[in-house]
PDB file of N, CA and C in Angstrom:
ATOM      1  N   UNK A   1     -25.748  96.738  59.770  1.00  0.00           N
ATOM      2  CA  UNK A   1     -24.575  96.411  60.557  1.00  0.00           C
ATOM      3  C   UNK A   1     -24.333  94.901  60.481  1.00  0.00           C
ATOM      4  N   UNK A   2     -23.126  94.526  60.164  1.00  0.00           N
ATOM      5  CA  UNK A   2     -22.779  93.116  60.018  1.00  0.00           C
ATOM      6  C   UNK A   2     -21.924  92.684  61.207  1.00  0.00           C
ATOM      7  N   UNK A   3     -22.575  92.133  62.222  1.00  0.00           N
ATOM      8  CA  UNK A   3     -21.851  91.728  63.426  1.00  0.00           C
ATOM      9  C   UNK A   3     -20.901  90.570  63.161  1.00  0.00           C
ATOM     10  N   UNK A   4     -21.194  89.755  62.163  1.00  0.00           N
ATOM     11  CA  UNK A   4     -20.299  88.649  61.848  1.00  0.00           C
ATOM     12  C   UNK A   4     -18.923  89.138  61.445  1.00  0.00           C
ATOM     13  N   UNK A   5     -18.872  90.127  60.571  1.00  0.00           N
ATOM     14  CA  UNK A   5     -17.597  90.691  60.137  1.00  0.00           C
ATOM     15  C   UNK A   5     -16.886  91.362  61.294  1.00  0.00           C
ATOM     16  N   UNK A   6     -17.619  92.145  62.092  1.00  0.00           N
ATOM     17  CA  UNK A   6     -17.019  92.816  63.245  1.00  0.00           C
ATOM     18  C   UNK A   6     -16.487  91.806  64.248  1.00  0.00           C
ATOM     19  N   UNK A   7     -17.239  90.759  64.490  1.00  0.00           N
ATOM     20  CA  UNK A   7     -16.812  89.738  65.448  1.00  0.00           C
ATOM     21  C   UNK A   7     -15.536  89.055  64.969  1.00  0.00           C
ATOM     22  N   UNK A   8     -15.447  88.766  63.676  1.00  0.00           N
ATOM     23  CA  UNK A   8     -14.226  88.149  63.139  1.00  0.00           C
ATOM     24  C   UNK A   8     -13.041  89.090  63.269  1.00  0.00           C
ATOM     25  N   UNK A   9     -13.255  90.382  63.040  1.00  0.00           N
ATOM     26  CA  UNK A   9     -12.173  91.364  63.181  1.00  0.00           C
ATOM     27  C   UNK A   9     -11.684  91.422  64.618  1.00  0.00           C
ATOM     28  N   UNK A  10     -12.606  91.368  65.561  1.00  0.00           N
ATOM     29  CA  UNK A  10     -12.232  91.398  66.975  1.00  0.00           C
ATOM     30  C   UNK A  10     -11.422  90.154  67.326  1.00  0.00           C
ATOM     31  N   UNK A  11     -11.878  88.997  66.877  1.00  0.00           N
ATOM     32  CA  UNK A  11     -11.174  87.751  67.181  1.00  0.00           C
ATOM     33  C   UNK A  11      -9.775  87.767  66.575  1.00  0.00           C
ATOM     34  N   UNK A  12      -9.667  88.124  65.307  1.00  0.00           N
ATOM     35  CA  UNK A  12      -8.358  88.136  64.654  1.00  0.00           C
ATOM     36  C   UNK A  12      -7.447  89.191  65.271  1.00  0.00           C
ATOM     37  N   UNK A  13      -7.982  90.364  65.553  1.00  0.00           N
ATOM     38  CA  UNK A  13      -7.182  91.413  66.190  1.00  0.00           C
ATOM     39  C   UNK A  13      -6.722  90.994  67.570  1.00  0.00           C
ATOM     40  N   UNK A  14      -7.626  90.391  68.319  1.00  0.00           N
ATOM     41  CA  UNK A  14      -7.284  89.937  69.667  1.00  0.00           C
ATOM     42  C   UNK A  14      -6.225  88.852  69.655  1.00  0.00           C
ATOM     43  N   UNK A  15      -6.358  87.895  68.733  1.00  0.00           N
ATOM     44  CA  UNK A  15      -5.358  86.827  68.636  1.00  0.00           C
ATOM     45  C   UNK A  15      -3.997  87.392  68.245  1.00  0.00           C
ATOM     46  N   UNK A  16      -3.984  88.286  67.276  1.00  0.00           N
ATOM     47  CA  UNK A  16      -2.717  88.859  66.815  1.00  0.00           C
ATOM     48  C   UNK A  16      -2.017  89.616  67.927  1.00  0.00           C
ATOM     49  N   UNK A  17      -2.766  90.464  68.618  1.00  0.00           N
ATOM     50  CA  UNK A  17      -2.177  91.246  69.701  1.00  0.00           C
ATOM     51  C   UNK A  17      -1.790  90.341  70.862  1.00  0.00           C
ATOM     52  N   UNK A  18      -2.611  89.346  71.144  1.00  0.00           N
ATOM     53  CA  UNK A  18      -2.289  88.418  72.229  1.00  0.00           C
ATOM     54  C   UNK A  18      -0.988  87.674  71.979  1.00  0.00           C
ATOM     55  N   UNK A  19      -0.815  87.171  70.770  1.00  0.00           N
ATOM     56  CA  UNK A  19       0.426  86.471  70.424  1.00  0.00           C
ATOM     57  C   UNK A  19       1.604  87.428  70.520  1.00  0.00           C
ATOM     58  N   UNK A  20       1.446  88.641  70.005  1.00  0.00           N
ATOM     59  CA  UNK A  20       2.514  89.641  70.095  1.00  0.00           C
ATOM     60  C   UNK A  20       2.892  89.898  71.549  1.00  0.00           C
ATOM     61  N   UNK A  21       1.904  90.094  72.406  1.00  0.00           N
ATOM     62  CA  UNK A  21       2.177  90.390  73.817  1.00  0.00           C
ATOM     63  C   UNK A  21       2.881  89.220  74.492  1.00  0.00           C
ATOM     64  N   UNK A  22       2.438  87.996  74.217  1.00  0.00           N
ATOM     65  CA  UNK A  22       3.082  86.828  74.824  1.00  0.00           C
ATOM     66  C   UNK A  22       4.541  86.721  74.387  1.00  0.00           C
ATOM     67  N   UNK A  23       4.806  86.969  73.108  1.00  0.00           N
ATOM     68  CA  UNK A  23       6.183  86.897  72.624  1.00  0.00           C
ATOM     69  C   UNK A  23       7.018  88.069  73.126  1.00  0.00           C
ATOM     70  N   UNK A  24       6.447  89.255  73.097  1.00  0.00           N
ATOM     71  CA  UNK A  24       7.170  90.469  73.501  1.00  0.00           C
ATOM     72  C   UNK A  24       7.601  90.407  74.954  1.00  0.00           C
ATOM     73  N   UNK A  25       6.729  89.928  75.815  1.00  0.00           N
ATOM     74  CA  UNK A  25       7.022  89.908  77.248  1.00  0.00           C
ATOM     75  C   UNK A  25       7.450  88.525  77.742  1.00  0.00           C
ATOM     76  N   UNK A  26       7.718  87.599  76.823  1.00  0.00           N
ATOM     77  CA  UNK A  26       8.163  86.247  77.175  1.00  0.00           C
ATOM     78  C   UNK A  26       7.301  85.655  78.288  1.00  0.00           C
ATOM     79  N   UNK A  27       5.997  85.719  78.075  1.00  0.00           N
ATOM     80  CA  UNK A  27       5.052  85.238  79.082  1.00  0.00           C
ATOM     81  C   UNK A  27       5.045  83.712  79.081  1.00  0.00           C
ATOM     82  N   UNK A  28       5.090  83.147  80.269  1.00  0.00           N
ATOM     83  CA  UNK A  28       4.968  81.705  80.431  1.00  0.00           C
ATOM     84  C   UNK A  28       4.128  81.437  81.672  1.00  0.00           C
ATOM     85  N   UNK A  29       3.975  80.171  82.033  1.00  0.00           N
ATOM     86  CA  UNK A  29       3.088  79.845  83.159  1.00  0.00           C
ATOM     87  C   UNK A  29       3.582  80.416  84.483  1.00  0.00           C
ATOM     88  N   UNK A  30       4.868  80.676  84.618  1.00  0.00           N
ATOM     89  CA  UNK A  30       5.389  81.202  85.886  1.00  0.00           C
ATOM     90  C   UNK A  30       5.156  82.698  86.046  1.00  0.00           C
ATOM     91  N   UNK A  31       5.205  83.445  84.957  1.00  0.00           N
ATOM     92  CA  UNK A  31       5.061  84.896  85.082  1.00  0.00           C
ATOM     93  C   UNK A  31       3.767  85.440  84.483  1.00  0.00           C
ATOM     94  N   UNK A  32       2.818  84.558  84.176  1.00  0.00           N
ATOM     95  CA  UNK A  32       1.574  84.996  83.542  1.00  0.00           C
ATOM     96  C   UNK A  32       0.816  86.000  84.402  1.00  0.00           C
ATOM     97  N   UNK A  33       0.636  85.700  85.686  1.00  0.00           N
ATOM     98  CA  UNK A  33      -0.135  86.590  86.563  1.00  0.00           C
ATOM     99  C   UNK A  33       0.532  87.950  86.687  1.00  0.00           C
ATOM    100  N   UNK A  34       1.836  87.990  86.815  1.00  0.00           N
ATOM    101  CA  UNK A  34       2.523  89.270  86.968  1.00  0.00           C
ATOM    102  C   UNK A  34       2.592  90.039  85.655  1.00  0.00           C
ATOM    103  N   UNK A  35       2.404  89.372  84.528  1.00  0.00           N
ATOM    104  CA  UNK A  35       2.463  90.025  83.221  1.00  0.00           C
ATOM    105  C   UNK A  35       1.106  90.532  82.748  1.00  0.00           C
ATOM    106  N   UNK A  36       0.058  90.256  83.484  1.00  0.00           N
ATOM    107  CA  UNK A  36      -1.287  90.606  83.024  1.00  0.00           C
ATOM    108  C   UNK A  36      -1.433  92.097  82.739  1.00  0.00           C
ATOM    109  N   UNK A  37      -0.919  92.950  83.606  1.00  0.00           N
ATOM    110  CA  UNK A  37      -1.034  94.398  83.406  1.00  0.00           C
ATOM    111  C   UNK A  37      -0.315  94.831  82.131  1.00  0.00           C
ATOM    112  N   UNK A  38       0.854  94.276  81.873  1.00  0.00           N
ATOM    113  CA  UNK A  38       1.600  94.616  80.661  1.00  0.00           C
ATOM    114  C   UNK A  38       0.854  94.147  79.418  1.00  0.00           C
ATOM    115  N   UNK A  39       0.254  92.974  79.489  1.00  0.00           N
ATOM    116  CA  UNK A  39      -0.508  92.455  78.350  1.00  0.00           C
ATOM    117  C   UNK A  39      -1.725  93.331  78.080  1.00  0.00           C
ATOM    118  N   UNK A  40      -2.448  93.694  79.130  1.00  0.00           N
ATOM    119  CA  UNK A  40      -3.629  94.551  78.952  1.00  0.00           C
ATOM    120  C   UNK A  40      -3.234  95.912  78.376  1.00  0.00           C
ATOM    121  N   UNK A  41      -2.138  96.480  78.832  1.00  0.00           N
ATOM    122  CA  UNK A  41      -1.674  97.768  78.312  1.00  0.00           C
ATOM    123  C   UNK A  41      -1.302  97.652  76.837  1.00  0.00           C
ATOM    124  N   UNK A  42      -0.659  96.560  76.467  1.00  0.00           N
ATOM    125  CA  UNK A  42      -0.284  96.346  75.073  1.00  0.00           C
ATOM    126  C   UNK A  42      -1.520  96.220  74.193  1.00  0.00           C
ATOM    127  N   UNK A  43      -2.502  95.464  74.646  1.00  0.00           N
ATOM    128  CA  UNK A  43      -3.740  95.307  73.881  1.00  0.00           C
ATOM    129  C   UNK A  43      -4.429  96.652  73.713  1.00  0.00           C
ATOM    130  N   UNK A  44      -4.513  97.416  74.788  1.00  0.00           N
ATOM    131  CA  UNK A  44      -5.156  98.724  74.727  1.00  0.00           C
ATOM    132  C   UNK A  44      -4.422  99.646  73.768  1.00  0.00           C
ATOM    133  N   UNK A  45      -3.110  99.580  73.762  1.00  0.00           N
ATOM    134  CA  UNK A  45      -2.299 100.450  72.916  1.00  0.00           C
ATOM    135  C   UNK A  45      -2.388 100.073  71.441  1.00  0.00           C
ATOM    136  N   UNK A  46      -2.413  98.782  71.138  1.00  0.00           N
ATOM    137  CA  UNK A  46      -2.324  98.334  69.750  1.00  0.00           C
ATOM    138  C   UNK A  46      -3.654  98.193  69.022  1.00  0.00           C
ATOM    139  N   UNK A  47      -4.710  97.833  69.734  1.00  0.00           N
ATOM    140  CA  UNK A  47      -5.988  97.635  69.050  1.00  0.00           C
ATOM    141  C   UNK A  47      -6.727  98.954  68.876  1.00  0.00           C
ATOM    142  N   UNK A  48      -7.307  99.182  67.713  1.00  0.00           N
ATOM    143  CA  UNK A  48      -8.139 100.366  67.527  1.00  0.00           C
ATOM    144  C   UNK A  48      -9.350 100.324  68.461  1.00  0.00           C
ATOM    145  N   UNK A  49      -9.896 101.467  68.766  1.00  0.00           N
ATOM    146  CA  UNK A  49     -11.012 101.580  69.718  1.00  0.00           C
ATOM    147  C   UNK A  49     -12.180 100.672  69.351  1.00  0.00           C
ATOM    148  N   UNK A  50     -12.551 100.619  68.069  1.00  0.00           N
ATOM    149  CA  UNK A  50     -13.727  99.816  67.696  1.00  0.00           C
ATOM    150  C   UNK A  50     -13.484  98.318  67.886  1.00  0.00           C
ATOM    151  N   UNK A  51     -12.240  97.887  68.001  1.00  0.00           N
ATOM    152  CA  UNK A  51     -11.970  96.482  68.276  1.00  0.00           C
ATOM    153  C   UNK A  51     -11.842  96.201  69.769  1.00  0.00           C
ATOM    154  N   UNK A  52     -11.664  97.247  70.573  1.00  0.00           N
ATOM    155  CA  UNK A  52     -11.586  97.068  72.026  1.00  0.00           C
ATOM    156  C   UNK A  52     -12.957  97.093  72.672  1.00  0.00           C
ATOM    157  N   UNK A  53     -13.928  97.691  72.005  1.00  0.00           N
ATOM    158  CA  UNK A  53     -15.269  97.822  72.550  1.00  0.00           C
ATOM    159  C   UNK A  53     -16.024  96.511  72.369  1.00  0.00           C
ATOM    160  N   UNK A  54     -16.603  95.972  73.445  1.00  0.00           N
ATOM    161  CA  UNK A  54     -17.347  94.707  73.310  1.00  0.00           C
ATOM    162  C   UNK A  54     -18.544  94.849  72.372  1.00  0.00           C
ATOM    163  N   UNK A  55     -18.802  93.818  71.615  1.00  0.00           N
ATOM    164  CA  UNK A  55     -19.982  93.783  70.747  1.00  0.00           C
ATOM    165  C   UNK A  55     -21.115  93.170  71.550  1.00  0.00           C
ATOM    166  N   UNK A  56     -22.213  93.901  71.665  1.00  0.00           N
ATOM    167  CA  UNK A  56     -23.367  93.394  72.422  1.00  0.00           C
ATOM    168  C   UNK A  56     -24.569  93.249  71.522  1.00  0.00           C
TER     169      UNK A  56
END
């Protein structure tokens, strides 16, 4: 098992989805707290299961 490759996939997947969610929901400093649920739902929907599971 190569945790380095998996960790990089998680980071890249997380960054990609995070940027998408911020742009999609026009998140800024004023609405960040209220947008958290929408961002989490988007991440859950878009990332494959193996990228959502924490690496321990």
